[in-house]
Structure formats: structure tokens, C-alpha cells
């Protein structure tokens, strides 16, 4: 793997790790409050005011676009288990799952590039 590919893979991995910490530290804080009723209160908080609603809609639509990209790229490059990245967006965070998909994509591209260079 070329150094450019390694740098990209490490970058995607670090972003995913930072996103995991950033999102789940807040999720844990939210769900540990005694007066919250789980997912329904979380969803209501996402639309608590116009600013929160704007960010929520932005993230949802960006995630939808990312899913389309992931499915198309997974089919084109024969990346397995694309469904796991989509489920990861829903259960963990899009900011974690999308960089992990990009990491897998970069590794696949690097492998294909090294095979093509041999021939």
C-alpha cells in the first residue's frame, strides 16, 4: 500500500474513532439523565428548536446521500457487507460508519491499484 493510501486509511480511522467518542459521550450523558424516556425524548430533542431541527435534517439527508454512495461504490468495487455500514449509521453514528466505509473503500482501491501495477 502506498503512503498516500496509508495516510487516508489512518485519517478515516481516526475520524471514526473521534466521532465514536464525540457522539457516544453525548448519547450516554443524554440517556443517563433520569427524566428522559429513551429514544422518543431523544428524537424530540433533535427538533427542540429550529437550529436543532436544521442540523438534524442536514445530518439525515447527508446520511441518505452517503448510503446511496456506499451502495453504488460497494457494488462497483465489490465491497462486502455494505449493509453493516448502513446499520452502523443507524445504531452507532453516521460520523463513525461512513469513515469506516471510506477506509474499507480506500483499502480496496489500493489493493486493486497494486494488482493493476503488477500487470
Protein backbone atom coordinates (compact mmCIF):
# COMPACT_ATOMS: atom_id res chain seq x y z
CA UNK A 1 0.00 0.00 0.00
CA UNK A 2 1.33 3.41 -0.95
CA UNK A 3 1.94 6.03 1.73
CA UNK A 4 -0.93 8.15 0.36
CA UNK A 5 -3.32 5.24 0.86
CA UNK A 6 -1.99 4.59 4.36
CA UNK A 7 -2.43 8.24 5.31
CA UNK A 8 -6.01 8.23 4.03
CA UNK A 9 -6.81 5.00 5.88
CA UNK A 10 -5.35 6.33 9.11
CA UNK A 11 -7.21 9.60 8.65
CA UNK A 12 -10.54 7.83 8.14
CA UNK A 13 -9.85 5.58 11.12
CA UNK A 14 -9.00 8.50 13.38
CA UNK A 15 -12.10 10.40 12.29
CA UNK A 16 -14.26 7.34 13.03
CA UNK A 17 -12.64 6.92 16.45
CA UNK A 18 -13.03 10.61 17.33
CA UNK A 19 -16.64 10.53 16.13
CA UNK A 20 -17.38 7.47 18.28
CA UNK A 21 -16.08 9.26 21.36
CA UNK A 22 -17.77 12.56 20.48
CA UNK A 23 -21.19 11.11 19.70
CA UNK A 24 -21.44 8.40 22.32
CA UNK A 25 -20.15 10.53 25.16
CA UNK A 26 -23.14 12.78 24.48
CA UNK A 27 -25.56 9.88 23.95
CA UNK A 28 -24.55 8.35 27.27
CA UNK A 29 -24.99 11.71 29.01
CA UNK A 30 -28.44 12.12 27.45
CA UNK A 31 -29.71 8.64 28.25
CA UNK A 32 -28.30 8.63 31.77
CA UNK A 33 -30.49 11.55 32.80
CA UNK A 34 -33.30 10.16 34.91
CA UNK A 35 -36.10 12.23 33.37
CA UNK A 36 -35.58 11.08 29.77
CA UNK A 37 -37.81 8.42 28.23
CA UNK A 38 -35.32 6.90 25.82
CA UNK A 39 -35.46 7.23 22.06
CA UNK A 40 -38.66 9.26 21.90
CA UNK A 41 -37.22 12.05 24.07
CA UNK A 42 -34.00 11.89 22.06
CA UNK A 43 -35.96 12.39 18.82
CA UNK A 44 -37.96 15.25 20.33
CA UNK A 45 -34.70 16.89 21.45
CA UNK A 46 -33.40 16.68 17.87
CA UNK A 47 -36.24 19.04 16.91
CA UNK A 48 -36.32 21.11 20.12
CA UNK A 49 -35.78 24.34 18.19
CA UNK A 50 -35.21 25.43 14.56
CA UNK A 51 -31.42 25.21 14.87
CA UNK A 52 -31.55 21.65 16.22
CA UNK A 53 -34.09 20.70 13.54
CA UNK A 54 -31.90 22.17 10.81
CA UNK A 55 -28.83 20.22 11.95
CA UNK A 56 -30.92 17.04 12.35
CA UNK A 57 -32.39 17.35 8.85
CA UNK A 58 -28.96 18.14 7.43
CA UNK A 59 -27.43 15.03 9.01
CA UNK A 60 -30.34 12.81 7.96
CA UNK A 61 -30.19 13.92 4.32
CA UNK A 62 -26.40 13.78 4.22
CA UNK A 63 -26.62 10.25 5.62
CA UNK A 64 -29.14 9.29 2.93
CA UNK A 65 -26.75 10.58 0.25
CA UNK A 66 -23.90 8.65 1.90
CA UNK A 67 -25.98 5.45 1.81
CA UNK A 68 -26.56 5.86 -1.93
CA UNK A 69 -22.82 6.45 -2.43
CA UNK A 70 -21.90 3.46 -0.26
CA UNK A 71 -24.23 1.08 -2.09
CA UNK A 72 -23.06 2.25 -5.53
CA UNK A 73 -19.38 2.09 -4.57
CA UNK A 74 -19.78 -1.25 -2.80
CA UNK A 75 -21.30 -2.76 -5.93
CA UNK A 76 -18.71 -1.17 -8.22
CA UNK A 77 -15.72 -2.25 -6.09
CA UNK A 78 -17.21 -5.47 -4.70
CA UNK A 79 -17.02 -4.31 -1.08
CA UNK A 80 -18.80 -6.85 1.07
CA UNK A 81 -21.23 -6.19 3.90
CA UNK A 82 -22.30 -2.70 2.84
CA UNK A 83 -25.46 -3.33 4.84
CA UNK A 84 -23.35 -3.34 8.03
CA UNK A 85 -22.18 0.21 7.37
CA UNK A 86 -25.78 1.33 6.82
CA UNK A 87 -26.90 -0.36 10.03
CA UNK A 88 -23.88 1.23 11.74
CA UNK A 89 -25.14 4.65 10.67
CA UNK A 90 -28.45 3.93 12.38
CA UNK A 91 -27.19 2.22 15.53
CA UNK A 92 -23.85 3.91 16.18
CA UNK A 93 -23.48 7.15 14.20
CA UNK A 94 -23.11 8.17 10.58
CA UNK A 95 -19.94 10.03 11.52
CA UNK A 96 -18.48 6.68 12.60
CA UNK A 97 -19.84 4.32 9.93
CA UNK A 98 -19.19 6.50 6.87
CA UNK A 99 -15.45 6.98 7.58
CA UNK A 100 -15.18 3.23 8.24
CA UNK A 101 -16.75 2.58 4.84
CA UNK A 102 -14.35 5.08 3.25
CA UNK A 103 -11.47 3.26 4.95
CA UNK A 104 -12.67 -0.08 3.50
CA UNK A 105 -13.12 1.58 0.10
CA UNK A 106 -9.61 3.06 0.17
CA UNK A 107 -8.10 -0.31 1.08
CA UNK A 108 -9.98 -1.94 -1.80
CA UNK A 109 -8.82 0.76 -4.23
CA UNK A 110 -5.22 0.37 -3.02
CA UNK A 111 -5.37 -3.41 -3.50
CA UNK A 112 -6.79 -3.01 -7.00
CA UNK A 113 -4.13 -0.44 -7.85
CA UNK A 114 -1.32 -2.70 -6.71
CA UNK A 115 -2.73 -5.61 -8.75
CA UNK A 116 -3.01 -3.41 -11.85
CA UNK A 117 0.58 -2.22 -11.42
CA UNK A 118 1.84 -5.80 -11.46
CA UNK A 119 0.41 -6.41 -14.91
